[in-house]
Amino acid sequence: MPSQLKRLLVLGVIIISLFLLLKHLATPVSFGQYGHYRGNSLNEIAALPVKYVGSKTCVKCHDSIVALKLEGLHSDIQCENCHGPAYLHIKTPKKDKLFRPDSREFCAKCHSFNKARPEKAVTQQDIKNHHPEKKCITCHNPHQP
């Protein structure tokens, strides 16, 4: 075997060995425990503070609004989809106010024309031409559109 091939073979073995050593050192111990991800991440994620509380929690203080929403077209949409995480609002409702969406851009996230969205599932509007001088909530109550 020519000497240059021997040197290339030795160099290749060294590079592969270094790669395998670095992979072994960089891979967490729990990797692969539950498939192709780190097993310890489950405990770390479970230890994070809860941010979303669910619409059932909103009913405790806002029962009339939730009842109105349940009669409307947004009945199966969670409150926090529009108003954001409520975990701080639950603790200190006077201090931590929830987001109150009133911009046309916010409504357009779901209601602007999108060929990929089923027309019967979501009412779609031409946001640029549908009363552009007004905010959507001027005419539409989002809790009962």
C-alpha atoms as a PDB file:
ATOM      1  CA  MET A   1       0.000   0.000   0.000  1.00  0.00           C
ATOM      2  CA  PRO A   2       1.427   3.432  -0.919  1.00  0.00           C
ATOM      3  CA  SER A   3       2.571   5.571   2.008  1.00  0.00           C
ATOM      4  CA  GLN A   4       0.220   8.482   1.164  1.00  0.00           C
ATOM      5  CA  LEU A   5      -2.789   6.139   1.446  1.00  0.00           C
ATOM      6  CA  LYS A   6      -1.527   4.884   4.810  1.00  0.00           C
ATOM      7  CA  ARG A   7      -1.269   8.469   6.032  1.00  0.00           C
ATOM      8  CA  LEU A   8      -4.785   9.279   4.735  1.00  0.00           C
ATOM      9  CA  LEU A   9      -6.154   6.138   6.373  1.00  0.00           C
ATOM     10  CA  VAL A  10      -4.527   7.047   9.717  1.00  0.00           C
ATOM     11  CA  LEU A  11      -5.817  10.640   9.410  1.00  0.00           C
ATOM     12  CA  GLY A  12      -9.326   9.357   8.610  1.00  0.00           C
ATOM     13  CA  VAL A  13      -9.304   7.041  11.628  1.00  0.00           C
ATOM     14  CA  ILE A  14      -8.147   9.920  13.871  1.00  0.00           C
ATOM     15  CA  ILE A  15     -10.865  12.272  12.571  1.00  0.00           C
ATOM     16  CA  ILE A  16     -13.611   9.662  12.970  1.00  0.00           C
ATOM     17  CA  SER A  17     -12.337   8.778  16.462  1.00  0.00           C
ATOM     18  CA  LEU A  18     -12.323  12.459  17.490  1.00  0.00           C
ATOM     19  CA  PHE A  19     -15.850  12.877  16.118  1.00  0.00           C
ATOM     20  CA  LEU A  20     -17.132   9.860  18.027  1.00  0.00           C
ATOM     21  CA  LEU A  21     -15.398  11.025  21.221  1.00  0.00           C
ATOM     22  CA  LEU A  22     -16.885  14.542  20.914  1.00  0.00           C
ATOM     23  CA  LYS A  23     -20.324  13.076  20.152  1.00  0.00           C
ATOM     24  CA  HIS A  24     -20.101  10.892  23.238  1.00  0.00           C
ATOM     25  CA  LEU A  25     -19.012  13.827  25.429  1.00  0.00           C
ATOM     26  CA  ALA A  26     -21.646  16.222  24.045  1.00  0.00           C
ATOM     27  CA  THR A  27     -24.635  13.848  24.134  1.00  0.00           C
ATOM     28  CA  PRO A  28     -26.652  14.078  27.368  1.00  0.00           C
ATOM     29  CA  VAL A  29     -26.961  10.883  29.401  1.00  0.00           C
ATOM     30  CA  SER A  30     -30.754  10.802  29.058  1.00  0.00           C
ATOM     31  CA  PHE A  31     -30.729  11.215  25.265  1.00  0.00           C
ATOM     32  CA  GLY A  32     -32.638   8.367  23.652  1.00  0.00           C
ATOM     33  CA  GLN A  33     -34.409   7.359  26.867  1.00  0.00           C
ATOM     34  CA  TYR A  34     -37.867   7.930  25.300  1.00  0.00           C
ATOM     35  CA  GLY A  35     -36.978   8.101  21.623  1.00  0.00           C
ATOM     36  CA  HIS A  36     -34.904  10.619  19.730  1.00  0.00           C
ATOM     37  CA  TYR A  37     -34.825  13.353  22.387  1.00  0.00           C
ATOM     38  CA  ARG A  38     -33.529  14.019  25.887  1.00  0.00           C
ATOM     39  CA  GLY A  39     -35.470  12.165  28.592  1.00  0.00           C
ATOM     40  CA  ASN A  40     -34.634  14.697  31.340  1.00  0.00           C
ATOM     41  CA  SER A  41     -36.357  17.440  29.337  1.00  0.00           C
ATOM     42  CA  LEU A  42     -39.740  16.078  30.450  1.00  0.00           C
ATOM     43  CA  ASN A  43     -38.996  16.913  34.107  1.00  0.00           C
ATOM     44  CA  GLU A  44     -37.512  20.296  33.162  1.00  0.00           C
ATOM     45  CA  ILE A  45     -40.588  21.240  31.136  1.00  0.00           C
ATOM     46  CA  ALA A  46     -42.928  20.026  33.890  1.00  0.00           C
ATOM     47  CA  ALA A  47     -41.100  22.270  36.384  1.00  0.00           C
ATOM     48  CA  LEU A  48     -41.780  25.422  34.312  1.00  0.00           C
ATOM     49  CA  PRO A  49     -44.530  27.718  35.608  1.00  0.00           C
ATOM     50  CA  VAL A  50     -47.958  27.260  34.034  1.00  0.00           C
ATOM     51  CA  LYS A  51     -48.746  30.088  31.667  1.00  0.00           C
ATOM     52  CA  TYR A  52     -52.095  29.117  30.171  1.00  0.00           C
ATOM     53  CA  VAL A  53     -54.940  28.407  32.557  1.00  0.00           C
ATOM     54  CA  GLY A  54     -57.797  27.470  30.179  1.00  0.00           C
ATOM     55  CA  SER A  55     -61.242  28.941  29.617  1.00  0.00           C
ATOM     56  CA  LYS A  56     -62.710  27.090  32.604  1.00  0.00           C
ATOM     57  CA  THR A  57     -60.710  29.399  34.863  1.00  0.00           C
ATOM     58  CA  CYS A  58     -62.050  32.483  33.044  1.00  0.00           C
ATOM     59  CA  VAL A  59     -65.645  31.444  33.867  1.00  0.00           C
ATOM     60  CA  LYS A  60     -65.016  32.003  37.583  1.00  0.00           C
ATOM     61  CA  CYS A  61     -64.946  35.784  37.146  1.00  0.00           C
ATOM     62  CA  HIS A  62     -66.232  36.392  33.623  1.00  0.00           C
ATOM     63  CA  ASP A  63     -69.204  34.020  33.449  1.00  0.00           C
ATOM     64  CA  SER A  64     -71.489  36.388  31.503  1.00  0.00           C
ATOM     65  CA  ILE A  65     -68.830  37.023  28.825  1.00  0.00           C
ATOM     66  CA  VAL A  66     -68.001  33.336  28.527  1.00  0.00           C
ATOM     67  CA  ALA A  67     -71.723  32.478  28.255  1.00  0.00           C
ATOM     68  CA  LEU A  68     -72.105  35.056  25.472  1.00  0.00           C
ATOM     69  CA  LYS A  69     -69.037  33.680  23.685  1.00  0.00           C
ATOM     70  CA  LEU A  70     -70.361  30.115  23.907  1.00  0.00           C
ATOM     71  CA  GLU A  71     -73.421  31.176  21.884  1.00  0.00           C
ATOM     72  CA  GLY A  72     -71.311  32.709  19.116  1.00  0.00           C
ATOM     73  CA  LEU A  73     -69.061  31.537  16.309  1.00  0.00           C
ATOM     74  CA  HIS A  74     -65.955  31.692  18.495  1.00  0.00           C
ATOM     75  CA  SER A  75     -67.387  29.196  20.995  1.00  0.00           C
ATOM     76  CA  ASP A  76     -64.673  26.584  20.491  1.00  0.00           C
ATOM     77  CA  ILE A  77     -61.774  29.047  20.646  1.00  0.00           C
ATOM     78  CA  GLN A  78     -60.009  29.307  24.005  1.00  0.00           C
ATOM     79  CA  CYS A  79     -60.020  32.775  25.619  1.00  0.00           C
ATOM     80  CA  GLU A  80     -56.227  32.833  25.801  1.00  0.00           C
ATOM     81  CA  ASN A  81     -55.893  32.395  22.035  1.00  0.00           C
ATOM     82  CA  CYS A  82     -56.871  36.052  21.707  1.00  0.00           C
ATOM     83  CA  HIS A  83     -56.165  37.497  25.159  1.00  0.00           C
ATOM     84  CA  GLY A  84     -52.816  35.785  25.845  1.00  0.00           C
ATOM     85  CA  PRO A  85     -51.667  33.754  28.875  1.00  0.00           C
ATOM     86  CA  ALA A  86     -53.777  34.462  31.946  1.00  0.00           C
ATOM     87  CA  TYR A  87     -51.613  32.972  34.708  1.00  0.00           C
ATOM     88  CA  LEU A  88     -50.510  36.377  36.070  1.00  0.00           C
ATOM     89  CA  HIS A  89     -53.986  37.853  35.599  1.00  0.00           C
ATOM     90  CA  ILE A  90     -55.420  35.109  37.823  1.00  0.00           C
ATOM     91  CA  LYS A  91     -52.983  35.981  40.622  1.00  0.00           C
ATOM     92  CA  THR A  92     -53.371  39.770  40.448  1.00  0.00           C
ATOM     93  CA  PRO A  93     -56.293  40.708  38.181  1.00  0.00           C
ATOM     94  CA  LYS A  94     -56.218  44.442  38.952  1.00  0.00           C
ATOM     95  CA  LYS A  95     -52.495  44.725  38.232  1.00  0.00           C
ATOM     96  CA  ASP A  96     -52.056  42.299  35.330  1.00  0.00           C
ATOM     97  CA  LYS A  97     -54.551  43.100  32.597  1.00  0.00           C
ATOM     98  CA  LEU A  98     -54.987  40.761  29.666  1.00  0.00           C
ATOM     99  CA  PHE A  99     -54.382  41.803  26.074  1.00  0.00           C
ATOM    100  CA  ARG A 100     -57.481  43.339  24.500  1.00  0.00           C
ATOM    101  CA  PRO A 101     -57.205  42.874  20.753  1.00  0.00           C
ATOM    102  CA  ASP A 102     -58.815  45.673  18.777  1.00  0.00           C
ATOM    103  CA  SER A 103     -56.654  46.047  15.680  1.00  0.00           C
ATOM    104  CA  ARG A 104     -57.616  45.007  12.177  1.00  0.00           C
ATOM    105  CA  GLU A 105     -54.265  43.211  11.896  1.00  0.00           C
ATOM    106  CA  PHE A 106     -55.131  40.977  14.850  1.00  0.00           C
ATOM    107  CA  CYS A 107     -58.485  39.931  13.403  1.00  0.00           C
ATOM    108  CA  ALA A 108     -56.831  39.446  10.005  1.00  0.00           C
ATOM    109  CA  LYS A 109     -54.675  36.648  11.420  1.00  0.00           C
ATOM    110  CA  CYS A 110     -57.719  34.385  11.217  1.00  0.00           C
ATOM    111  CA  HIS A 111     -60.201  36.263   9.033  1.00  0.00           C
ATOM    112  CA  SER A 112     -58.190  37.483   6.022  1.00  0.00           C
ATOM    113  CA  PHE A 113     -58.476  35.524   2.785  1.00  0.00           C
ATOM    114  CA  ASN A 114     -56.338  32.406   2.791  1.00  0.00           C
ATOM    115  CA  LYS A 115     -56.859  29.714   0.157  1.00  0.00           C
ATOM    116  CA  ALA A 116     -55.461  27.083   2.534  1.00  0.00           C
ATOM    117  CA  ARG A 117     -58.162  27.833   5.134  1.00  0.00           C
ATOM    118  CA  PRO A 118     -61.591  26.220   4.669  1.00  0.00           C
ATOM    119  CA  GLU A 119     -64.074  29.005   3.847  1.00  0.00           C
ATOM    120  CA  LYS A 120     -66.897  27.366   5.799  1.00  0.00           C
ATOM    121  CA  ALA A 121     -64.766  26.983   8.924  1.00  0.00           C
ATOM    122  CA  VAL A 122     -63.734  30.632   9.250  1.00  0.00           C
ATOM    123  CA  THR A 123     -65.439  33.718   7.836  1.00  0.00           C
ATOM    124  CA  GLN A 124     -62.916  35.337   5.531  1.00  0.00           C
ATOM    125  CA  GLN A 125     -62.897  39.025   4.638  1.00  0.00           C
ATOM    126  CA  ASP A 126     -60.931  41.280   2.355  1.00  0.00           C
ATOM    127  CA  ILE A 127     -59.489  43.198   5.293  1.00  0.00           C
ATOM    128  CA  LYS A 128     -58.105  45.998   3.110  1.00  0.00           C
ATOM    129  CA  ASN A 129     -61.503  46.817   1.565  1.00  0.00           C
ATOM    130  CA  HIS A 130     -63.990  45.782   4.280  1.00  0.00           C
ATOM    131  CA  HIS A 131     -64.614  49.121   6.070  1.00  0.00           C
ATOM    132  CA  PRO A 132     -60.908  50.057   6.240  1.00  0.00           C
ATOM    133  CA  GLU A 133     -61.671  53.202   8.231  1.00  0.00           C
ATOM    134  CA  LYS A 134     -63.060  51.255  11.213  1.00  0.00           C
ATOM    135  CA  LYS A 135     -61.730  48.817  13.752  1.00  0.00           C
ATOM    136  CA  CYS A 136     -63.398  45.391  13.510  1.00  0.00           C
ATOM    137  CA  ILE A 137     -64.787  45.624  17.054  1.00  0.00           C
ATOM    138  CA  THR A 138     -66.727  48.765  16.107  1.00  0.00           C
ATOM    139  CA  CYS A 139     -69.279  46.536  14.363  1.00  0.00           C
ATOM    140  CA  HIS A 140     -68.389  43.031  15.559  1.00  0.00           C
ATOM    141  CA  ASN A 141     -68.377  41.805  19.138  1.00  0.00           C
ATOM    142  CA  PRO A 142     -65.635  39.155  19.155  1.00  0.00           C
ATOM    143  CA  HIS A 143     -67.419  37.303  21.960  1.00  0.00           C
ATOM    144  CA  GLN A 144     -70.513  37.040  19.763  1.00  0.00           C
ATOM    145  CA  PRO A 145     -69.598  37.994  16.192  1.00  0.00           C
END
